[in-house]
Amino acid sequence: MKFIVNIVNREASIISFNDVYLAMAAAFLIAFLLLPLAKSPRAEPGVDAAH
């Protein structure tokens, strides 16, 4: 019985890791797709672009 419990726990850990990995990948993909909608930073007046 202990053997089956260990197998079930290992498989549950693998499935939960896969779910979290998929959720993180989806979040990064959505953030990447929304990146063009972000405003570009404004340069401060009186500051040269070359330092």
Protein backbone atom coordinates (compact mmCIF):
# COMPACT_ATOMS: atom_id res chain seq x y z
CA MET A 1 0.00 0.00 0.00
CA LYS A 2 2.87 2.36 0.80
CA PHE A 3 4.23 1.78 -2.71
CA ILE A 4 0.97 2.91 -4.33
CA VAL A 5 0.79 5.98 -2.08
CA ASN A 6 4.31 6.97 -3.13
CA ILE A 7 3.47 6.58 -6.82
CA VAL A 8 0.29 8.64 -6.45
CA ASN A 9 2.14 11.39 -4.58
CA ARG A 10 4.88 11.51 -7.22
CA GLU A 11 2.38 11.69 -10.07
CA ALA A 12 0.40 14.40 -8.26
CA SER A 13 3.58 16.43 -7.87
CA ILE A 14 4.40 16.07 -11.56
CA ILE A 15 0.88 17.07 -12.63
CA SER A 16 0.86 20.12 -10.34
CA PHE A 17 4.31 21.18 -11.62
CA ASN A 18 3.03 20.92 -15.19
CA ASP A 19 -0.03 23.01 -14.34
CA VAL A 20 2.05 25.75 -12.71
CA TYR A 21 4.51 25.72 -15.62
CA LEU A 22 1.66 26.10 -18.10
CA ALA A 23 0.12 28.96 -16.11
CA MET A 24 3.47 30.78 -15.96
CA ALA A 25 4.03 30.29 -19.69
CA ALA A 26 0.55 31.68 -20.41
CA ALA A 27 1.20 34.71 -18.18
CA PHE A 28 4.50 35.48 -19.92
CA LEU A 29 2.92 35.04 -23.34
CA ILE A 30 0.10 37.43 -22.49
CA ALA A 31 2.59 39.95 -21.08
CA PHE A 32 4.72 39.61 -24.22
CA LEU A 33 1.71 40.19 -26.47
CA LEU A 34 0.68 43.27 -24.46
CA LEU A 35 4.18 44.76 -24.60
CA PRO A 36 3.57 46.80 -27.79
CA LEU A 37 0.72 48.58 -26.00
CA ALA A 38 3.04 49.91 -23.29
CA LYS A 39 4.13 53.52 -23.49
CA SER A 40 7.78 54.18 -24.18
CA PRO A 41 9.61 56.18 -21.49
CA ARG A 42 9.95 59.89 -22.12
CA ALA A 43 13.37 61.51 -22.14
CA GLU A 44 13.86 64.19 -19.53
CA PRO A 45 14.31 67.69 -20.95
CA GLY A 46 17.91 68.80 -21.03
CA VAL A 47 19.34 65.28 -20.95
CA ASP A 48 21.36 64.15 -23.93
CA ALA A 49 20.67 60.73 -25.45
CA ALA A 50 24.41 59.96 -25.30
CA HIS A 51 24.73 60.58 -21.56
